[in-house]
């Protein structure tokens, strides 16, 4: 069977690999010039390892990912550490990743801290997410964590991530974040590019094709194929397939999302001096929601000795940040970074080459010790009772399948769930047991 897959993100590559392994003739089309989608990577010339455009890691609960890594022979390239997670609130950085750290947190009283521990433990244990999609996270978290803990810990993150829609997000979304998160985090030697390139190599070994830099604009371009899988954002799907039947089209049109920006700074010294890897920003008024010091997790030696700092946030698609240059974004973010570390000397490293280079792309022109990445489709906006209205992977058109980030619900974004979705849509086409 000839199968076309539109999109060379992890979902598209996994579906192509799964089908090619079962003997199908697959061809992957990707409009960009690099593999990976939201897990795409770049590399400066003096770096040994590539770096993801948006921060990524594995959790120790990511069983789908580990299964695929074993199939690809990459299990020995996966390693785990227990980096530090903290929150920034009221002008201070506080560890918030262990029971001891929570009990030591000075901004809540002992009753509130015990409630935080007990409710979080219950969310990790319970498998029953369906009732939680009927109530908003705002209502549920306020009721069970308590008003003070909610306002201090969770409301700032919900507002920063979902903007004006934050009061509409179901508790099932929050449950998924707590359920699968682990203190031990994994990473691949060489970065996630190792996974994307290995999938591409296996696809080609199985006689499949991957065509980069080619945008499919309509289904007529793919008339020679027996089956088609589209893994693009919903808006792109509607452009490729504009004449969908009414009910299914209405469901697709109802899929909303927010965009993301990451500004990556190449610093000459460590920014988060307490070795925090992931810093959630719980302070009102900040223009970003997370500061992630990648090199507090992965040794700077793999990146030419640079200390790499992601500064990231989520924004509606019409936000002015999406029209700004990296220098303009840096100037917007800098005053707030100085609030986190007032004594830090912001000396940006210039890459050894006068121009950095994106993998498989022309040189990026990065001569300022920073890089900016933006994506308008980065985080699905999930409404109440979403499982009742989520469009099927199987479209009304015979032999056409649609798999997008919304379809990983109730889980939150991540490579593990992109892999799971890729396998799922492949098995809709060829329902054989995965080897």
Foldseek 3Di string as FASTA:
>chain_A
DEEEEEAQALLSLLLLLQLLVVPYAYEYEYQALFHHVQQAWFAFPLFQFTDGQDDAWAAPLLVLVCVVCVVLVQNVQKDKDQFWEWEADPLATFTDADLVSLCVDPPDDNVLSVLVVVVLVVLQPDPDLQVQLQAAPLVVCCVRSHVVCCLQPPPLLLCQAPPPCSRFFTCLLVSQVSNRHDSMIMAGVRGCVVVSVSSQVSSVVSVYYYHYSDDQQECVVVVVGQFYEYADQLVSVCRHVVPADDQLNVLSVPWDAWKKKKKKFFFQDDLPVVLHQWYAYSYPPANFGIKGFVCSGPPCVSRNNTGIIITMTIGAPPDCVVVDDSVVVCVSRVVVSCSNPVPDDGDADARPPCFTDTVSGGTPNPGPRMDMDMDGHDFIRAGRPRVVRNRAQDGPDPNYGYHYLVVLPPHTDHSSSSSVSSVVSSCVVVVDDRD
